Amino acid sequence: MGVIIKANISKTILQENTMADTAKANVQANRVAPEPPIVLDLGRKRRKQIKLLKKGTGKLMAEVQDCIQELKQAGTVTEQVRPVIVLVRERRRRLMFP
């Protein structure tokens, strides 16, 4: 009797595994390919402006929001959540004496 119970348990485990595999396959089939991120290149800016951008304030943050708003109005960006990558380089400091 003990052997038969083990066989039944292993069959149920196999059935659960195959159901889980088919569920994973269905989810992967229904999954839509993720949209690529939005990359904004703001060029060279001053150190203070970059610090304010990191805090989420300042002129650069307003510029990023304006760009995203324009993309939404143009229809290139859907309402789905997408990552935004902001590229900003720090402007070199000028030397006081040459």
PDB file of N, CA and C in Angstrom:
ATOM      1  N   MET A   1       0.808  -1.193   0.000  1.00  0.00           N
ATOM      2  CA  MET A   1       0.000   0.000   0.000  1.00  0.00           C
ATOM      3  C   MET A   1       0.852   1.257   0.000  1.00  0.00           C
ATOM      4  N   GLY A   2       1.964   1.248   0.740  1.00  0.00           N
ATOM      5  CA  GLY A   2       2.813   2.432   0.824  1.00  0.00           C
ATOM      6  C   GLY A   2       3.393   2.819  -0.522  1.00  0.00           C
ATOM      7  N   VAL A   3       3.709   1.847  -1.352  1.00  0.00           N
ATOM      8  CA  VAL A   3       4.289   2.123  -2.666  1.00  0.00           C
ATOM      9  C   VAL A   3       3.258   2.779  -3.571  1.00  0.00           C
ATOM     10  N   ILE A   4       2.040   2.351  -3.509  1.00  0.00           N
ATOM     11  CA  ILE A   4       0.982   2.914  -4.349  1.00  0.00           C
ATOM     12  C   ILE A   4       0.727   4.365  -3.971  1.00  0.00           C
ATOM     13  N   ILE A   5       0.749   4.683  -2.702  1.00  0.00           N
ATOM     14  CA  ILE A   5       0.534   6.061  -2.259  1.00  0.00           C
ATOM     15  C   ILE A   5       1.646   6.954  -2.787  1.00  0.00           C
ATOM     16  N   LYS A   6       2.883   6.478  -2.730  1.00  0.00           N
ATOM     17  CA  LYS A   6       3.995   7.271  -3.250  1.00  0.00           C
ATOM     18  C   LYS A   6       3.833   7.498  -4.743  1.00  0.00           C
ATOM     19  N   ALA A   7       3.371   6.474  -5.449  1.00  0.00           N
ATOM     20  CA  ALA A   7       3.173   6.619  -6.894  1.00  0.00           C
ATOM     21  C   ALA A   7       2.094   7.653  -7.176  1.00  0.00           C
ATOM     22  N   ASN A   8       1.027   7.638  -6.391  1.00  0.00           N
ATOM     23  CA  ASN A   8      -0.040   8.614  -6.579  1.00  0.00           C
ATOM     24  C   ASN A   8       0.451  10.024  -6.270  1.00  0.00           C
ATOM     25  N   ILE A   9       1.249  10.152  -5.231  1.00  0.00           N
ATOM     26  CA  ILE A   9       1.781  11.466  -4.873  1.00  0.00           C
ATOM     27  C   ILE A   9       2.685  11.978  -5.983  1.00  0.00           C
ATOM     28  N   SER A  10       3.539  11.112  -6.514  1.00  0.00           N
ATOM     29  CA  SER A  10       4.443  11.557  -7.578  1.00  0.00           C
ATOM     30  C   SER A  10       3.663  11.946  -8.830  1.00  0.00           C
ATOM     31  N   LYS A  11       2.552  11.248  -9.111  1.00  0.00           N
ATOM     32  CA  LYS A  11       1.735  11.616 -10.265  1.00  0.00           C
ATOM     33  C   LYS A  11       1.119  12.995 -10.063  1.00  0.00           C
ATOM     34  N   THR A  12       0.635  13.270  -8.847  1.00  0.00           N
ATOM     35  CA  THR A  12       0.038  14.580  -8.610  1.00  0.00           C
ATOM     36  C   THR A  12       1.095  15.671  -8.680  1.00  0.00           C
ATOM     37  N   ILE A  13       2.287  15.369  -8.196  1.00  0.00           N
ATOM     38  CA  ILE A  13       3.362  16.360  -8.281  1.00  0.00           C
ATOM     39  C   ILE A  13       3.710  16.620  -9.739  1.00  0.00           C
ATOM     40  N   LEU A  14       3.763  15.559 -10.542  1.00  0.00           N
ATOM     41  CA  LEU A  14       4.051  15.737 -11.961  1.00  0.00           C
ATOM     42  C   LEU A  14       2.957  16.542 -12.645  1.00  0.00           C
ATOM     43  N   GLN A  15       1.700  16.277 -12.273  1.00  0.00           N
ATOM     44  CA  GLN A  15       0.604  17.022 -12.870  1.00  0.00           C
ATOM     45  C   GLN A  15       0.685  18.494 -12.479  1.00  0.00           C
ATOM     46  N   GLU A  16       1.020  18.779 -11.214  1.00  0.00           N
ATOM     47  CA  GLU A  16       1.145  20.165 -10.775  1.00  0.00           C
ATOM     48  C   GLU A  16       2.286  20.859 -11.508  1.00  0.00           C
ATOM     49  N   ASN A  17       3.407  20.144 -11.700  1.00  0.00           N
ATOM     50  CA  ASN A  17       4.535  20.737 -12.407  1.00  0.00           C
ATOM     51  C   ASN A  17       4.179  21.047 -13.856  1.00  0.00           C
ATOM     52  N   THR A  18       3.474  20.135 -14.509  1.00  0.00           N
ATOM     53  CA  THR A  18       3.120  20.388 -15.904  1.00  0.00           C
ATOM     54  C   THR A  18       2.114  21.523 -16.005  1.00  0.00           C
ATOM     55  N   MET A  19       1.193  21.633 -15.040  1.00  0.00           N
ATOM     56  CA  MET A  19       0.253  22.740 -15.049  1.00  0.00           C
ATOM     57  C   MET A  19       0.988  24.055 -14.819  1.00  0.00           C
ATOM     58  N   ALA A  20       1.974  24.040 -13.935  1.00  0.00           N
ATOM     59  CA  ALA A  20       2.747  25.252 -13.693  1.00  0.00           C
ATOM     60  C   ALA A  20       3.539  25.636 -14.933  1.00  0.00           C
ATOM     61  N   ASP A  21       4.095  24.650 -15.624  1.00  0.00           N
ATOM     62  CA  ASP A  21       4.847  24.925 -16.848  1.00  0.00           C
ATOM     63  C   ASP A  21       3.948  25.512 -17.930  1.00  0.00           C
ATOM     64  N   THR A  22       2.746  24.961 -18.064  1.00  0.00           N
ATOM     65  CA  THR A  22       1.837  25.496 -19.077  1.00  0.00           C
ATOM     66  C   THR A  22       1.380  26.901 -18.699  1.00  0.00           C
ATOM     67  N   ALA A  23       1.194  27.155 -17.408  1.00  0.00           N
ATOM     68  CA  ALA A  23       0.816  28.498 -16.969  1.00  0.00           C
ATOM     69  C   ALA A  23       1.934  29.489 -17.281  1.00  0.00           C
ATOM     70  N   LYS A  24       3.188  29.080 -17.035  1.00  0.00           N
ATOM     71  CA  LYS A  24       4.321  29.950 -17.360  1.00  0.00           C
ATOM     72  C   LYS A  24       4.393  30.205 -18.858  1.00  0.00           C
ATOM     73  N   ALA A  25       4.139  29.174 -19.643  1.00  0.00           N
ATOM     74  CA  ALA A  25       4.181  29.327 -21.095  1.00  0.00           C
ATOM     75  C   ALA A  25       3.088  30.281 -21.564  1.00  0.00           C
ATOM     76  N   ASN A  26       1.901  30.189 -20.959  1.00  0.00           N
ATOM     77  CA  ASN A  26       0.807  31.091 -21.325  1.00  0.00           C
ATOM     78  C   ASN A  26       1.138  32.527 -20.961  1.00  0.00           C
ATOM     79  N   VAL A  27       1.732  32.726 -19.796  1.00  0.00           N
ATOM     80  CA  VAL A  27       2.095  34.076 -19.369  1.00  0.00           C
ATOM     81  C   VAL A  27       3.145  34.653 -20.308  1.00  0.00           C
ATOM     82  N   GLN A  28       4.142  33.852 -20.676  1.00  0.00           N
ATOM     83  CA  GLN A  28       5.181  34.330 -21.579  1.00  0.00           C
ATOM     84  C   GLN A  28       4.619  34.619 -22.967  1.00  0.00           C
ATOM     85  N   ALA A  29       3.647  33.849 -23.402  1.00  0.00           N
ATOM     86  CA  ALA A  29       3.041  34.083 -24.711  1.00  0.00           C
ATOM     87  C   ALA A  29       2.227  35.372 -24.700  1.00  0.00           C
ATOM     88  N   ASN A  30       1.560  35.655 -23.575  1.00  0.00           N
ATOM     89  CA  ASN A  30       0.738  36.856 -23.471  1.00  0.00           C
ATOM     90  C   ASN A  30       1.562  38.102 -23.183  1.00  0.00           C
ATOM     91  N   ARG A  31       2.783  37.922 -22.722  1.00  0.00           N
ATOM     92  CA  ARG A  31       3.626  39.057 -22.356  1.00  0.00           C
ATOM     93  C   ARG A  31       4.040  39.814 -23.612  1.00  0.00           C
ATOM     94  N   VAL A  32       3.869  41.114 -23.561  1.00  0.00           N
ATOM     95  CA  VAL A  32       4.245  41.968 -24.681  1.00  0.00           C
ATOM     96  C   VAL A  32       5.699  42.375 -24.488  1.00  0.00           C
ATOM     97  N   ALA A  33       6.420  42.494 -25.565  1.00  0.00           N
ATOM     98  CA  ALA A  33       7.820  42.905 -25.473  1.00  0.00           C
ATOM     99  C   ALA A  33       7.890  44.303 -24.865  1.00  0.00           C
ATOM    100  N   PRO A  34       8.782  44.513 -23.901  1.00  0.00           N
ATOM    101  CA  PRO A  34       8.857  45.823 -23.259  1.00  0.00           C
ATOM    102  C   PRO A  34       9.324  46.893 -24.241  1.00  0.00           C
ATOM    103  N   GLU A  35       8.754  48.069 -24.076  1.00  0.00           N
ATOM    104  CA  GLU A  35       9.137  49.172 -24.944  1.00  0.00           C
ATOM    105  C   GLU A  35      10.518  49.675 -24.533  1.00  0.00           C
ATOM    106  N   PRO A  36      11.291  50.158 -25.478  1.00  0.00           N
ATOM    107  CA  PRO A  36      12.633  50.641 -25.129  1.00  0.00           C
ATOM    108  C   PRO A  36      12.550  51.908 -24.278  1.00  0.00           C
ATOM    109  N   PRO A  37      13.570  52.185 -23.478  1.00  0.00           N
ATOM    110  CA  PRO A  37      13.535  53.376 -22.624  1.00  0.00           C
ATOM    111  C   PRO A  37      13.680  54.660 -23.439  1.00  0.00           C
ATOM    112  N   ILE A  38      13.276  55.758 -22.840  1.00  0.00           N
ATOM    113  CA  ILE A  38      13.423  57.073 -23.451  1.00  0.00           C
ATOM    114  C   ILE A  38      14.772  57.624 -23.012  1.00  0.00           C
ATOM    115  N   VAL A  39      15.604  58.029 -23.961  1.00  0.00           N
ATOM    116  CA  VAL A  39      16.925  58.567 -23.643  1.00  0.00           C
ATOM    117  C   VAL A  39      16.933  60.043 -24.019  1.00  0.00           C
ATOM    118  N   LEU A  40      17.182  60.901 -23.015  1.00  0.00           N
ATOM    119  CA  LEU A  40      17.260  62.339 -23.239  1.00  0.00           C
ATOM    120  C   LEU A  40      18.694  62.798 -23.010  1.00  0.00           C
ATOM    121  N   ASP A  41      19.295  63.410 -24.010  1.00  0.00           N
ATOM    122  CA  ASP A  41      20.646  63.939 -23.879  1.00  0.00           C
ATOM    123  C   ASP A  41      20.531  65.452 -23.716  1.00  0.00           C
ATOM    124  N   LEU A  42      20.880  65.945 -22.528  1.00  0.00           N
ATOM    125  CA  LEU A  42      20.765  67.371 -22.239  1.00  0.00           C
ATOM    126  C   LEU A  42      22.065  68.129 -22.472  1.00  0.00           C
ATOM    127  N   GLY A  43      23.118  67.434 -22.833  1.00  0.00           N
ATOM    128  CA  GLY A  43      24.387  68.110 -23.134  1.00  0.00           C
ATOM    129  C   GLY A  43      25.181  68.446 -21.881  1.00  0.00           C
ATOM    130  N   ARG A  44      26.027  69.480 -22.001  1.00  0.00           N
ATOM    131  CA  ARG A  44      26.878  69.894 -20.879  1.00  0.00           C
ATOM    132  C   ARG A  44      26.171  70.978 -20.072  1.00  0.00           C
ATOM    133  N   LYS A  45      26.105  70.769 -18.777  1.00  0.00           N
ATOM    134  CA  LYS A  45      25.447  71.718 -17.876  1.00  0.00           C
ATOM    135  C   LYS A  45      26.326  71.959 -16.658  1.00  0.00           C
ATOM    136  N   ARG A  46      26.000  73.025 -15.931  1.00  0.00           N
ATOM    137  CA  ARG A  46      26.767  73.361 -14.730  1.00  0.00           C
ATOM    138  C   ARG A  46      26.493  72.367 -13.612  1.00  0.00           C
ATOM    139  N   ARG A  47      27.452  72.275 -12.707  1.00  0.00           N
ATOM    140  CA  ARG A  47      27.375  71.332 -11.587  1.00  0.00           C
ATOM    141  C   ARG A  47      26.126  71.580 -10.741  1.00  0.00           C
ATOM    142  N   LYS A  48      25.802  72.831 -10.482  1.00  0.00           N
ATOM    143  CA  LYS A  48      24.646  73.149  -9.640  1.00  0.00           C
ATOM    144  C   LYS A  48      23.342  72.691 -10.302  1.00  0.00           C
ATOM    145  N   GLN A  49      23.233  72.862 -11.608  1.00  0.00           N
ATOM    146  CA  GLN A  49      22.030  72.419 -12.309  1.00  0.00           C
ATOM    147  C   GLN A  49      21.884  70.902 -12.236  1.00  0.00           C
ATOM    148  N   ILE A  50      23.005  70.193 -12.315  1.00  0.00           N
ATOM    149  CA  ILE A  50      22.965  68.729 -12.240  1.00  0.00           C
ATOM    150  C   ILE A  50      22.534  68.283 -10.849  1.00  0.00           C
ATOM    151  N   LYS A  51      23.021  68.966  -9.811  1.00  0.00           N
ATOM    152  CA  LYS A  51      22.619  68.623  -8.439  1.00  0.00           C
ATOM    153  C   LYS A  51      21.122  68.827  -8.251  1.00  0.00           C
ATOM    154  N   LEU A  52      20.607  69.933  -8.785  1.00  0.00           N
ATOM    155  CA  LEU A  52      19.169  70.186  -8.666  1.00  0.00           C
ATOM    156  C   LEU A  52      18.357  69.140  -9.436  1.00  0.00           C
ATOM    157  N   LEU A  53      18.866  68.699 -10.578  1.00  0.00           N
ATOM    158  CA  LEU A  53      18.182  67.654 -11.346  1.00  0.00           C
ATOM    159  C   LEU A  53      18.116  66.359 -10.553  1.00  0.00           C
ATOM    160  N   LYS A  54      19.194  66.022  -9.855  1.00  0.00           N
ATOM    161  CA  LYS A  54      19.205  64.808  -9.032  1.00  0.00           C
ATOM    162  C   LYS A  54      18.165  64.879  -7.922  1.00  0.00           C
ATOM    163  N   LYS A  55      17.911  66.093  -7.422  1.00  0.00           N
ATOM    164  CA  LYS A  55      16.905  66.275  -6.372  1.00  0.00           C
ATOM    165  C   LYS A  55      15.488  66.330  -6.940  1.00  0.00           C
ATOM    166  N   GLY A  56      15.383  66.476  -8.262  1.00  0.00           N
ATOM    167  CA  GLY A  56      14.060  66.518  -8.885  1.00  0.00           C
ATOM    168  C   GLY A  56      13.509  67.913  -9.032  1.00  0.00           C
ATOM    169  N   THR A  57      14.368  68.915  -8.992  1.00  0.00           N
ATOM    170  CA  THR A  57      13.931  70.301  -9.128  1.00  0.00           C
ATOM    171  C   THR A  57      14.810  70.996 -10.162  1.00  0.00           C
ATOM    172  N   GLY A  58      14.534  72.262 -10.402  1.00  0.00           N
ATOM    173  CA  GLY A  58      15.389  73.070 -11.257  1.00  0.00           C
ATOM    174  C   GLY A  58      14.950  73.109 -12.713  1.00  0.00           C
ATOM    175  N   LYS A  59      15.721  73.876 -13.490  1.00  0.00           N
ATOM    176  CA  LYS A  59      15.410  74.074 -14.902  1.00  0.00           C
ATOM    177  C   LYS A  59      15.540  72.785 -15.709  1.00  0.00           C
ATOM    178  N   LEU A  60      16.530  71.971 -15.371  1.00  0.00           N
ATOM    179  CA  LEU A  60      16.727  70.734 -16.131  1.00  0.00           C
ATOM    180  C   LEU A  60      15.561  69.770 -15.933  1.00  0.00           C
ATOM    181  N   MET A  61      15.020  69.710 -14.723  1.00  0.00           N
ATOM    182  CA  MET A  61      13.870  68.835 -14.469  1.00  0.00           C
ATOM    183  C   MET A  61      12.660  69.317 -15.263  1.00  0.00           C
ATOM    184  N   ALA A  62      12.489  70.633 -15.320  1.00  0.00           N
ATOM    185  CA  ALA A  62      11.395  71.187 -16.116  1.00  0.00           C
ATOM    186  C   ALA A  62      11.592  70.858 -17.591  1.00  0.00           C
ATOM    187  N   GLU A  63      12.844  70.881 -18.051  1.00  0.00           N
ATOM    188  CA  GLU A  63      13.142  70.547 -19.442  1.00  0.00           C
ATOM    189  C   GLU A  63      12.823  69.079 -19.736  1.00  0.00           C
ATOM    190  N   VAL A  64      13.153  68.197 -18.798  1.00  0.00           N
ATOM    191  CA  VAL A  64      12.849  66.770 -18.964  1.00  0.00           C
ATOM    192  C   VAL A  64      11.340  66.562 -19.026  1.00  0.00           C
ATOM    193  N   GLN A  65      10.607  67.213 -18.136  1.00  0.00           N
ATOM    194  CA  GLN A  65       9.152  67.074 -18.131  1.00  0.00           C
ATOM    195  C   GLN A  65       8.535  67.622 -19.414  1.00  0.00           C
ATOM    196  N   ASP A  66       9.079  68.736 -19.916  1.00  0.00           N
ATOM    197  CA  ASP A  66       8.577  69.295 -21.174  1.00  0.00           C
ATOM    198  C   ASP A  66       8.804  68.334 -22.338  1.00  0.00           C
ATOM    199  N   CYS A  67       9.981  67.708 -22.371  1.00  0.00           N
ATOM    200  CA  CYS A  67      10.284  66.753 -23.447  1.00  0.00           C
ATOM    201  C   CYS A  67       9.313  65.577 -23.416  1.00  0.00           C
ATOM    202  N   ILE A  68       9.057  65.054 -22.230  1.00  0.00           N
ATOM    203  CA  ILE A  68       8.140  63.919 -22.107  1.00  0.00           C
ATOM    204  C   ILE A  68       6.726  64.330 -22.502  1.00  0.00           C
ATOM    205  N   GLN A  69       6.323  65.530 -22.117  1.00  0.00           N
ATOM    206  CA  GLN A  69       4.996  66.031 -22.471  1.00  0.00           C
ATOM    207  C   GLN A  69       4.859  66.170 -23.990  1.00  0.00           C
ATOM    208  N   GLU A  70       5.904  66.681 -24.649  1.00  0.00           N
ATOM    209  CA  GLU A  70       5.873  66.811 -26.108  1.00  0.00           C
ATOM    210  C   GLU A  70       5.776  65.446 -26.784  1.00  0.00           C
ATOM    211  N   LEU A  71       6.504  64.468 -26.253  1.00  0.00           N
ATOM    212  CA  LEU A  71       6.453  63.121 -26.827  1.00  0.00           C
ATOM    213  C   LEU A  71       5.071  62.505 -26.663  1.00  0.00           C
ATOM    214  N   LYS A  72       4.420  62.765 -25.540  1.00  0.00           N
ATOM    215  CA  LYS A  72       3.061  62.249 -25.330  1.00  0.00           C
ATOM    216  C   LYS A  72       2.084  62.886 -26.309  1.00  0.00           C
ATOM    217  N   GLN A  73       2.210  64.200 -26.503  1.00  0.00           N
ATOM    218  CA  GLN A  73       1.304  64.892 -27.417  1.00  0.00           C
ATOM    219  C   GLN A  73       1.524  64.462 -28.861  1.00  0.00           C
ATOM    220  N   ALA A  74       2.771  64.161 -29.219  1.00  0.00           N
ATOM    221  CA  ALA A  74       3.075  63.725 -30.581  1.00  0.00           C
ATOM    222  C   ALA A  74       2.620  62.291 -30.825  1.00  0.00           C
ATOM    223  N   GLY A  75       2.414  61.537 -29.747  1.00  0.00           N
ATOM    224  CA  GLY A  75       1.949  60.161 -29.885  1.00  0.00           C
ATOM    225  C   GLY A  75       3.066  59.145 -29.961  1.00  0.00           C
ATOM    226  N   THR A  76       4.304  59.568 -29.798  1.00  0.00           N
ATOM    227  CA  THR A  76       5.416  58.616 -29.841  1.00  0.00           C
ATOM    228  C   THR A  76       5.549  57.848 -28.543  1.00  0.00           C
ATOM    229  N   VAL A  77       5.002  58.384 -27.469  1.00  0.00           N
ATOM    230  CA  VAL A  77       5.051  57.725 -26.163  1.00  0.00           C
ATOM    231  C   VAL A  77       3.631  57.426 -25.738  1.00  0.00           C
ATOM    232  N   THR A  78       3.386  56.174 -25.348  1.00  0.00           N
ATOM    233  CA  THR A  78       2.066  55.802 -24.859  1.00  0.00           C
ATOM    234  C   THR A  78       1.966  56.148 -23.377  1.00  0.00           C
ATOM    235  N   GLU A  79       0.826  55.886 -22.809  1.00  0.00           N
ATOM    236  CA  GLU A  79       0.604  56.186 -21.398  1.00  0.00           C
ATOM    237  C   GLU A  79       1.221  55.149 -20.476  1.00  0.00           C
ATOM    238  N   GLN A  80       1.803  54.081 -21.037  1.00  0.00           N
ATOM    239  CA  GLN A  80       2.433  53.063 -20.208  1.00  0.00           C
ATOM    240  C   GLN A  80       3.699  53.624 -19.573  1.00  0.00           C
ATOM    241  N   VAL A  81       4.076  53.025 -18.466  1.00  0.00           N
ATOM    242  CA  VAL A  81       5.270  53.456 -17.755  1.00  0.00           C
ATOM    243  C   VAL A  81       6.500  52.968 -18.509  1.00  0.00           C
ATOM    244  N   ARG A  82       7.428  53.887 -18.770  1.00  0.00           N
ATOM    245  CA  ARG A  82       8.682  53.549 -19.444  1.00  0.00           C
ATOM    246  C   ARG A  82       9.818  54.232 -18.707  1.00  0.00           C
ATOM    247  N   PRO A  83      10.964  53.590 -18.644  1.00  0.00           N
ATOM    248  CA  PRO A  83      12.098  54.238 -17.988  1.00  0.00           C
ATOM    249  C   PRO A  83      12.620  55.406 -18.825  1.00  0.00           C
ATOM    250  N   VAL A  84      13.059  56.446 -18.127  1.00  0.00           N
ATOM    251  CA  VAL A  84      13.632  57.618 -18.785  1.00  0.00           C
ATOM    252  C   VAL A  84      15.081  57.723 -18.350  1.00  0.00           C
ATOM    253  N   ILE A  85      15.988  57.724 -19.313  1.00  0.00           N
ATOM    254  CA  ILE A  85      17.413  57.854 -19.030  1.00  0.00           C
ATOM    255  C   ILE A  85      17.829  59.254 -19.452  1.00  0.00           C
ATOM    256  N   VAL A  86      18.371  60.012 -18.496  1.00  0.00           N
ATOM    257  CA  VAL A  86      18.791  61.384 -18.762  1.00  0.00           C
ATOM    258  C   VAL A  86      20.309  61.426 -18.775  1.00  0.00           C
ATOM    259  N   LEU A  87      20.873  61.870 -19.903  1.00  0.00           N
ATOM    260  CA  LEU A  87      22.321  62.003 -20.023  1.00  0.00           C
ATOM    261  C   LEU A  87      22.694  63.474 -19.884  1.00  0.00           C
ATOM    262  N   VAL A  88      23.528  63.767 -18.900  1.00  0.00           N
ATOM    263  CA  VAL A  88      24.003  65.129 -18.680  1.00  0.00           C
ATOM    264  C   VAL A  88      25.483  65.049 -18.355  1.00  0.00           C
ATOM    265  N   ARG A  89      26.261  65.886 -19.019  1.00  0.00           N
ATOM    266  CA  ARG A  89      27.692  65.945 -18.726  1.00  0.00           C
ATOM    267  C   ARG A  89      27.991  67.245 -18.005  1.00  0.00           C
ATOM    268  N   GLU A  90      28.920  67.160 -17.076  1.00  0.00           N
ATOM    269  CA  GLU A  90      29.285  68.343 -16.306  1.00  0.00           C
ATOM    270  C   GLU A  90      30.219  69.219 -17.131  1.00  0.00           C
ATOM    271  N   ARG A  91      29.892  70.500 -17.157  1.00  0.00           N
ATOM    272  CA  ARG A  91      30.722  71.445 -17.889  1.00  0.00           C
ATOM    273  C   ARG A  91      32.032  71.644 -17.136  1.00  0.00           C
ATOM    274  N   ARG A  92      33.127  71.739 -17.861  1.00  0.00           N
ATOM    275  CA  ARG A  92      34.428  71.944 -17.226  1.00  0.00           C
ATOM    276  C   ARG A  92      34.486  73.332 -16.612  1.00  0.00           C
ATOM    277  N   ARG A  93      35.160  73.410 -15.501  1.00  0.00           N
ATOM    278  CA  ARG A  93      35.335  74.702 -14.844  1.00  0.00           C
ATOM    279  C   ARG A  93      36.385  75.522 -15.582  1.00  0.00           C
ATOM    280  N   ARG A  94      36.166  76.807 -15.615  1.00  0.00           N
ATOM    281  CA  ARG A  94      37.148  77.698 -16.223  1.00  0.00           C
ATOM    282  C   ARG A  94      38.197  78.052 -15.178  1.00  0.00           C
ATOM    283  N   LEU A  95      39.415  78.106 -15.614  1.00  0.00           N
ATOM    284  CA  LEU A  95      40.487  78.505 -14.708  1.00  0.00           C
ATOM    285  C   LEU A  95      40.519  80.022 -14.601  1.00  0.00           C
ATOM    286  N   MET A  96      40.796  80.510 -13.406  1.00  0.00           N
ATOM    287  CA  MET A  96      40.842  81.958 -13.198  1.00  0.00           C
ATOM    288  C   MET A  96      42.049  82.580 -13.908  1.00  0.00           C
ATOM    289  N   PHE A  97      43.171  81.886 -13.858  1.00  0.00           N
ATOM    290  CA  PHE A  97      44.383  82.411 -14.467  1.00  0.00           C
ATOM    291  C   PHE A  97      44.855  81.445 -15.543  1.00  0.00           C
ATOM    292  N   PRO A  98      45.142  81.958 -16.713  1.00  0.00           N
ATOM    293  CA  PRO A  98      45.556  81.049 -17.789  1.00  0.00           C
ATOM    294  C   PRO A  98      46.922  80.452 -17.616  1.00  0.00           C
TER     295      PRO A  98
END
